[in-house]
């Protein structure tokens, strides 16, 4: 760090004026909007932006495809569950029909025994 100098007012004014003129020269030295370097940088930024938009669209499409796949998988799973429930219900109905037929057959056999016993008594 520079040591403090005992500058006069005019020295400070000239230093400030030099700083302002240096900033103005730096601003004027900037390339204009039609400069090749500026146009090239803008084209590169546009290409990056387009590539970014393409990647975002690709990720969105992948998410949507995954959601569709999961929905189809869920629907298939639900269809399997419904088929299993229907099969189980069919088996239960068949079992109840067999039980009812067995009960009817047992009742018919019992009635036949009662009828035979009553026929022997007469």
N, C-alpha and C. Protein backbone atom coordinates (compact mmCIF):
# COMPACT_ATOMS: atom_id res chain seq x y z
N UNK A 1 0.84 -1.17 0.00
CA UNK A 1 0.00 0.00 0.00
C UNK A 1 0.89 1.24 0.00
N UNK A 2 0.48 2.19 -0.79
CA UNK A 2 1.27 3.42 -0.88
C UNK A 2 1.15 4.22 0.40
N UNK A 3 2.19 4.89 0.68
CA UNK A 3 2.17 5.77 1.85
C UNK A 3 1.34 7.00 1.50
N UNK A 4 0.81 7.62 2.51
CA UNK A 4 -0.03 8.79 2.31
C UNK A 4 0.84 9.93 1.83
N UNK A 5 0.40 10.53 0.72
CA UNK A 5 1.13 11.68 0.20
C UNK A 5 0.31 12.92 0.50
N UNK A 6 0.98 13.95 0.78
CA UNK A 6 0.32 15.21 1.09
C UNK A 6 0.04 15.93 -0.22
N UNK A 7 -1.03 15.49 -0.92
CA UNK A 7 -1.37 16.07 -2.22
C UNK A 7 -2.07 17.40 -2.04
N UNK A 8 -1.92 18.16 -3.05
CA UNK A 8 -2.63 19.44 -3.04
C UNK A 8 -3.98 19.23 -3.71
N UNK A 9 -4.82 20.25 -3.63
CA UNK A 9 -6.16 20.16 -4.20
C UNK A 9 -6.10 19.96 -5.70
N UNK A 10 -5.19 20.65 -6.36
CA UNK A 10 -5.08 20.53 -7.82
C UNK A 10 -4.60 19.13 -8.22
N UNK A 11 -3.71 18.52 -7.42
CA UNK A 11 -3.27 17.16 -7.70
C UNK A 11 -4.46 16.18 -7.62
N UNK A 12 -5.28 16.38 -6.62
CA UNK A 12 -6.44 15.50 -6.47
C UNK A 12 -7.41 15.70 -7.63
N UNK A 13 -7.59 16.93 -8.08
CA UNK A 13 -8.47 17.19 -9.22
C UNK A 13 -7.95 16.52 -10.49
N UNK A 14 -6.66 16.62 -10.75
CA UNK A 14 -6.09 16.01 -11.97
C UNK A 14 -6.17 14.49 -11.88
N UNK A 15 -5.95 13.93 -10.71
CA UNK A 15 -6.05 12.46 -10.54
C UNK A 15 -7.48 12.01 -10.81
N UNK A 16 -8.46 12.73 -10.32
CA UNK A 16 -9.87 12.38 -10.55
C UNK A 16 -10.21 12.52 -12.03
N UNK A 17 -9.72 13.58 -12.66
CA UNK A 17 -9.99 13.77 -14.09
C UNK A 17 -9.35 12.66 -14.90
N UNK A 18 -8.15 12.24 -14.56
CA UNK A 18 -7.48 11.14 -15.26
C UNK A 18 -8.28 9.84 -15.08
N UNK A 19 -8.80 9.61 -13.88
CA UNK A 19 -9.59 8.40 -13.62
C UNK A 19 -10.87 8.41 -14.46
N UNK A 20 -11.53 9.58 -14.52
CA UNK A 20 -12.75 9.69 -15.34
C UNK A 20 -12.44 9.46 -16.82
N UNK A 21 -11.36 10.05 -17.30
CA UNK A 21 -11.03 9.89 -18.72
C UNK A 21 -10.63 8.44 -19.01
N UNK A 22 -9.97 7.76 -18.06
CA UNK A 22 -9.60 6.35 -18.26
C UNK A 22 -10.86 5.48 -18.32
N UNK A 23 -11.83 5.76 -17.46
CA UNK A 23 -13.08 5.01 -17.48
C UNK A 23 -13.82 5.26 -18.79
N UNK A 24 -13.82 6.51 -19.27
CA UNK A 24 -14.47 6.83 -20.53
C UNK A 24 -13.77 6.14 -21.70
N UNK A 25 -12.46 6.12 -21.70
CA UNK A 25 -11.72 5.43 -22.76
C UNK A 25 -11.99 3.92 -22.72
N UNK A 26 -12.09 3.38 -21.53
CA UNK A 26 -12.40 1.95 -21.40
C UNK A 26 -13.79 1.66 -21.96
N UNK A 27 -14.74 2.57 -21.70
CA UNK A 27 -16.10 2.40 -22.21
C UNK A 27 -16.12 2.52 -23.74
N UNK A 28 -15.38 3.48 -24.27
CA UNK A 28 -15.34 3.69 -25.72
C UNK A 28 -14.61 2.56 -26.43
N UNK A 29 -13.67 1.91 -25.76
CA UNK A 29 -12.89 0.84 -26.38
C UNK A 29 -13.69 -0.45 -26.51
N UNK A 30 -14.83 -0.51 -25.83
CA UNK A 30 -15.66 -1.72 -25.92
C UNK A 30 -16.12 -1.91 -27.35
N UNK A 31 -16.22 -3.16 -27.80
CA UNK A 31 -16.69 -3.38 -29.17
C UNK A 31 -18.17 -3.06 -29.29
N UNK A 32 -18.56 -2.63 -30.47
CA UNK A 32 -19.95 -2.27 -30.70
C UNK A 32 -20.81 -3.51 -30.90
N UNK A 33 -22.13 -3.32 -31.02
CA UNK A 33 -23.03 -4.47 -31.15
C UNK A 33 -22.90 -5.18 -32.50
N UNK A 34 -22.28 -4.55 -33.48
CA UNK A 34 -22.11 -5.19 -34.78
C UNK A 34 -20.70 -5.73 -34.97
N UNK A 35 -19.91 -5.76 -33.92
CA UNK A 35 -18.54 -6.27 -33.99
C UNK A 35 -18.57 -7.80 -34.13
N UNK A 36 -17.59 -8.36 -34.81
CA UNK A 36 -17.55 -9.80 -35.06
C UNK A 36 -17.44 -10.60 -33.75
N UNK A 37 -16.63 -10.12 -32.83
CA UNK A 37 -16.46 -10.83 -31.56
C UNK A 37 -17.77 -10.84 -30.77
N UNK A 38 -18.47 -9.73 -30.78
CA UNK A 38 -19.75 -9.64 -30.06
C UNK A 38 -20.77 -10.57 -30.71
N UNK A 39 -20.83 -10.54 -32.04
CA UNK A 39 -21.78 -11.41 -32.75
C UNK A 39 -21.45 -12.88 -32.52
N UNK A 40 -20.16 -13.20 -32.50
CA UNK A 40 -19.75 -14.58 -32.25
C UNK A 40 -20.14 -15.01 -30.83
N UNK A 41 -19.93 -14.15 -29.87
CA UNK A 41 -20.29 -14.46 -28.48
C UNK A 41 -21.80 -14.62 -28.35
N UNK A 42 -22.58 -13.76 -29.03
CA UNK A 42 -24.03 -13.88 -29.00
C UNK A 42 -24.49 -15.19 -29.64
N UNK A 43 -23.85 -15.57 -30.74
CA UNK A 43 -24.19 -16.83 -31.41
C UNK A 43 -23.89 -18.01 -30.50
N UNK A 44 -22.74 -17.95 -29.80
CA UNK A 44 -22.39 -19.03 -28.88
C UNK A 44 -23.40 -19.11 -27.73
N UNK A 45 -23.80 -17.96 -27.20
CA UNK A 45 -24.78 -17.95 -26.12
C UNK A 45 -26.13 -18.49 -26.61
N UNK A 46 -26.49 -18.14 -27.84
CA UNK A 46 -27.76 -18.65 -28.41
C UNK A 46 -27.69 -20.16 -28.58
N UNK A 47 -26.55 -20.67 -29.04
CA UNK A 47 -26.38 -22.12 -29.21
C UNK A 47 -26.48 -22.83 -27.87
N UNK A 48 -25.87 -22.25 -26.86
CA UNK A 48 -25.95 -22.83 -25.51
C UNK A 48 -27.39 -22.83 -25.03
N UNK A 49 -28.09 -21.74 -25.28
CA UNK A 49 -29.49 -21.63 -24.85
C UNK A 49 -30.36 -22.66 -25.56
N UNK A 50 -30.14 -22.84 -26.87
CA UNK A 50 -30.91 -23.82 -27.64
C UNK A 50 -30.62 -25.24 -27.13
N UNK A 51 -29.34 -25.52 -26.87
CA UNK A 51 -28.97 -26.85 -26.36
C UNK A 51 -29.61 -27.09 -24.99
N UNK A 52 -29.62 -26.06 -24.15
CA UNK A 52 -30.23 -26.19 -22.82
C UNK A 52 -31.72 -26.47 -22.95
N UNK A 53 -32.38 -25.73 -23.85
CA UNK A 53 -33.82 -25.94 -24.06
C UNK A 53 -34.09 -27.35 -24.58
N UNK A 54 -33.22 -27.85 -25.45
CA UNK A 54 -33.39 -29.21 -25.96
C UNK A 54 -33.22 -30.24 -24.84
N UNK A 55 -32.23 -30.03 -23.98
CA UNK A 55 -32.04 -30.96 -22.85
C UNK A 55 -33.23 -30.92 -21.90
N UNK A 56 -33.76 -29.73 -21.65
CA UNK A 56 -34.93 -29.60 -20.77
C UNK A 56 -36.12 -30.32 -21.38
N UNK A 57 -36.32 -30.13 -22.68
CA UNK A 57 -37.45 -30.80 -23.36
C UNK A 57 -37.26 -32.32 -23.34
N UNK A 58 -36.02 -32.76 -23.52
CA UNK A 58 -35.75 -34.21 -23.48
C UNK A 58 -36.03 -34.78 -22.11
N UNK A 59 -35.61 -34.08 -21.06
CA UNK A 59 -35.88 -34.56 -19.70
C UNK A 59 -37.37 -34.57 -19.41
N UNK A 60 -38.08 -33.55 -19.90
CA UNK A 60 -39.53 -33.50 -19.70
C UNK A 60 -40.21 -34.67 -20.41
N UNK A 61 -39.78 -34.95 -21.65
CA UNK A 61 -40.35 -36.08 -22.40
C UNK A 61 -40.04 -37.39 -21.69
N UNK A 62 -38.84 -37.52 -21.14
CA UNK A 62 -38.49 -38.75 -20.42
C UNK A 62 -39.34 -38.90 -19.17
N UNK A 63 -39.58 -37.80 -18.46
CA UNK A 63 -40.44 -37.86 -17.26
C UNK A 63 -41.86 -38.26 -17.63
N UNK A 64 -42.36 -37.68 -18.73
CA UNK A 64 -43.72 -38.01 -19.16
C UNK A 64 -43.81 -39.47 -19.60
N UNK A 65 -42.78 -39.96 -20.32
CA UNK A 65 -42.77 -41.36 -20.75
C UNK A 65 -42.72 -42.28 -19.53
N UNK A 66 -41.94 -41.90 -18.54
CA UNK A 66 -41.86 -42.70 -17.30
C UNK A 66 -43.20 -42.71 -16.59
N UNK A 67 -43.88 -41.56 -16.57
CA UNK A 67 -45.19 -41.50 -15.92
C UNK A 67 -46.20 -42.37 -16.66
N UNK A 68 -46.14 -42.37 -17.99
CA UNK A 68 -47.04 -43.22 -18.78
C UNK A 68 -46.73 -44.69 -18.52
N UNK A 69 -45.43 -45.03 -18.46
CA UNK A 69 -45.04 -46.41 -18.21
C UNK A 69 -45.51 -46.86 -16.83
N UNK A 70 -45.35 -46.00 -15.84
CA UNK A 70 -45.79 -46.35 -14.49
C UNK A 70 -47.30 -46.48 -14.42
N UNK A 71 -48.02 -45.62 -15.16
CA UNK A 71 -49.49 -45.72 -15.17
C UNK A 71 -49.92 -47.03 -15.82
N UNK A 72 -49.25 -47.41 -16.91
CA UNK A 72 -49.59 -48.68 -17.57
C UNK A 72 -49.26 -49.85 -16.66
N UNK A 73 -48.14 -49.76 -15.98
CA UNK A 73 -47.76 -50.82 -15.04
C UNK A 73 -48.77 -50.92 -13.91
N UNK A 74 -49.20 -49.78 -13.41
CA UNK A 74 -50.19 -49.76 -12.33
C UNK A 74 -51.52 -50.34 -12.82
N UNK A 75 -51.92 -49.99 -14.04
CA UNK A 75 -53.17 -50.52 -14.60
C UNK A 75 -53.07 -52.04 -14.78
N UNK A 76 -51.92 -52.52 -15.24
CA UNK A 76 -51.74 -53.97 -15.41
C UNK A 76 -51.80 -54.67 -14.05
N UNK A 77 -51.17 -54.05 -13.05
CA UNK A 77 -51.19 -54.63 -11.71
C UNK A 77 -52.62 -54.68 -11.17
N UNK A 78 -53.37 -53.61 -11.38
CA UNK A 78 -54.76 -53.58 -10.92
C UNK A 78 -55.60 -54.61 -11.66
N UNK A 79 -55.32 -54.79 -12.96
CA UNK A 79 -56.05 -55.80 -13.74
C UNK A 79 -55.74 -57.19 -13.21
N UNK A 80 -54.48 -57.44 -12.86
CA UNK A 80 -54.10 -58.73 -12.26
C UNK A 80 -54.83 -58.94 -10.94
N UNK A 81 -54.89 -57.89 -10.13
CA UNK A 81 -55.58 -58.01 -8.84
C UNK A 81 -57.07 -58.30 -9.05
N UNK A 82 -57.68 -57.62 -10.03
CA UNK A 82 -59.10 -57.85 -10.30
C UNK A 82 -59.32 -59.27 -10.81
N UNK A 83 -58.42 -59.74 -11.68
CA UNK A 83 -58.55 -61.11 -12.20
C UNK A 83 -58.41 -62.12 -11.06
N UNK A 84 -57.46 -61.88 -10.17
CA UNK A 84 -57.27 -62.79 -9.03
C UNK A 84 -58.50 -62.76 -8.13
N UNK A 85 -59.07 -61.57 -7.91
CA UNK A 85 -60.26 -61.46 -7.07
C UNK A 85 -61.44 -62.16 -7.73
N UNK A 86 -61.57 -62.02 -9.05
CA UNK A 86 -62.65 -62.69 -9.76
C UNK A 86 -62.49 -64.21 -9.70
N UNK A 87 -61.26 -64.68 -9.85
CA UNK A 87 -60.99 -66.12 -9.77
C UNK A 87 -61.29 -66.64 -8.37
N UNK A 88 -60.91 -65.87 -7.37
CA UNK A 88 -61.19 -66.27 -5.99
C UNK A 88 -62.69 -66.30 -5.73
N UNK A 89 -63.41 -65.32 -6.27
CA UNK A 89 -64.86 -65.29 -6.11
C UNK A 89 -65.50 -66.48 -6.81
N UNK A 90 -64.99 -66.82 -8.00
CA UNK A 90 -65.51 -67.98 -8.72
C UNK A 90 -65.27 -69.25 -7.92
N UNK A 91 -64.08 -69.39 -7.35
CA UNK A 91 -63.80 -70.57 -6.53
C UNK A 91 -64.70 -70.62 -5.31
N UNK A 92 -64.97 -69.48 -4.72
CA UNK A 92 -65.85 -69.44 -3.55
C UNK A 92 -67.27 -69.84 -3.94
N UNK A 93 -67.73 -69.35 -5.08
CA UNK A 93 -69.07 -69.71 -5.55
C UNK A 93 -69.14 -71.21 -5.83
N UNK A 94 -68.12 -71.75 -6.51
CA UNK A 94 -68.09 -73.18 -6.79
C UNK A 94 -68.07 -73.99 -5.50
N UNK A 95 -67.30 -73.55 -4.52
CA UNK A 95 -67.24 -74.26 -3.24
C UNK A 95 -68.59 -74.22 -2.55
N UNK A 96 -69.26 -73.06 -2.59
CA UNK A 96 -70.57 -72.98 -1.95
C UNK A 96 -71.59 -73.84 -2.70
N UNK A 97 -71.48 -73.90 -4.04
CA UNK A 97 -72.38 -74.77 -4.82
C UNK A 97 -72.13 -76.23 -4.47
N UNK A 98 -70.84 -76.62 -4.34
CA UNK A 98 -70.53 -78.01 -3.96
C UNK A 98 -71.07 -78.31 -2.57
N UNK A 99 -70.92 -77.36 -1.67
CA UNK A 99 -71.42 -77.56 -0.31
C UNK A 99 -72.94 -77.68 -0.32
N UNK A 100 -73.61 -76.87 -1.13
CA UNK A 100 -75.07 -76.95 -1.21
C UNK A 100 -75.50 -78.27 -1.83
N UNK A 101 -74.80 -78.73 -2.88
CA UNK A 101 -75.12 -80.02 -3.50
C UNK A 101 -74.89 -81.16 -2.53
N UNK A 102 -73.80 -81.08 -1.75
CA UNK A 102 -73.53 -82.11 -0.74
C UNK A 102 -74.61 -82.12 0.32
N UNK A 103 -75.04 -80.92 0.74
CA UNK A 103 -76.09 -80.84 1.75
C UNK A 103 -77.39 -81.44 1.20
N UNK A 104 -77.69 -81.16 -0.07
CA UNK A 104 -78.90 -81.71 -0.69
C UNK A 104 -78.79 -83.23 -0.79
N UNK A 105 -77.63 -83.73 -1.17
CA UNK A 105 -77.43 -85.18 -1.27
C UNK A 105 -77.55 -85.83 0.10
N UNK A 106 -76.96 -85.21 1.12
CA UNK A 106 -77.05 -85.77 2.48
C UNK A 106 -78.49 -85.76 2.97
N UNK A 107 -79.21 -84.68 2.67
CA UNK A 107 -80.61 -84.62 3.08
C UNK A 107 -81.43 -85.69 2.37
N UNK A 108 -81.15 -85.89 1.07
CA UNK A 108 -81.87 -86.92 0.31
C UNK A 108 -81.56 -88.30 0.89
N UNK A 109 -80.31 -88.57 1.29
CA UNK A 109 -79.94 -89.86 1.87
C UNK A 109 -80.62 -90.03 3.22
N UNK A 110 -80.64 -88.97 4.00
CA UNK A 110 -81.30 -89.04 5.31
C UNK A 110 -82.80 -89.29 5.13
N UNK A 111 -83.40 -88.55 4.18
CA UNK A 111 -84.83 -88.77 3.93
C UNK A 111 -85.09 -90.20 3.46
N UNK A 112 -84.19 -90.74 2.64
CA UNK A 112 -84.35 -92.12 2.17
C UNK A 112 -84.26 -93.09 3.35
N UNK A 113 -83.34 -92.84 4.28
CA UNK A 113 -83.24 -93.71 5.46
C UNK A 113 -84.51 -93.62 6.31
N UNK A 114 -84.98 -92.41 6.51
CA UNK A 114 -86.22 -92.26 7.28
C UNK A 114 -87.38 -92.98 6.60
N UNK A 115 -87.45 -92.82 5.27
CA UNK A 115 -88.54 -93.47 4.52
C UNK A 115 -88.42 -94.99 4.62
N UNK A 116 -87.17 -95.51 4.55
CA UNK A 116 -86.97 -96.96 4.65
C UNK A 116 -87.34 -97.44 6.04
N UNK A 117 -86.99 -96.69 7.07
CA UNK A 117 -87.32 -97.08 8.43
C UNK A 117 -88.82 -97.05 8.63
N UNK A 118 -89.46 -96.03 8.12
CA UNK A 118 -90.92 -95.95 8.24
C UNK A 118 -91.59 -97.07 7.43
N UNK A 119 -91.01 -97.45 6.29
CA UNK A 119 -91.58 -98.53 5.49
C UNK A 119 -91.43 -99.89 6.21
N UNK A 120 -90.36 -100.06 6.96
CA UNK A 120 -90.16 -101.29 7.69
C UNK A 120 -91.16 -101.38 8.84
N UNK A 121 -91.50 -100.29 9.47
CA UNK A 121 -92.41 -100.28 10.59
C UNK A 121 -93.82 -100.59 10.10
N UNK A 122 -94.19 -100.30 8.97
CA UNK A 122 -95.55 -100.52 8.51
C UNK A 122 -95.72 -101.85 7.98
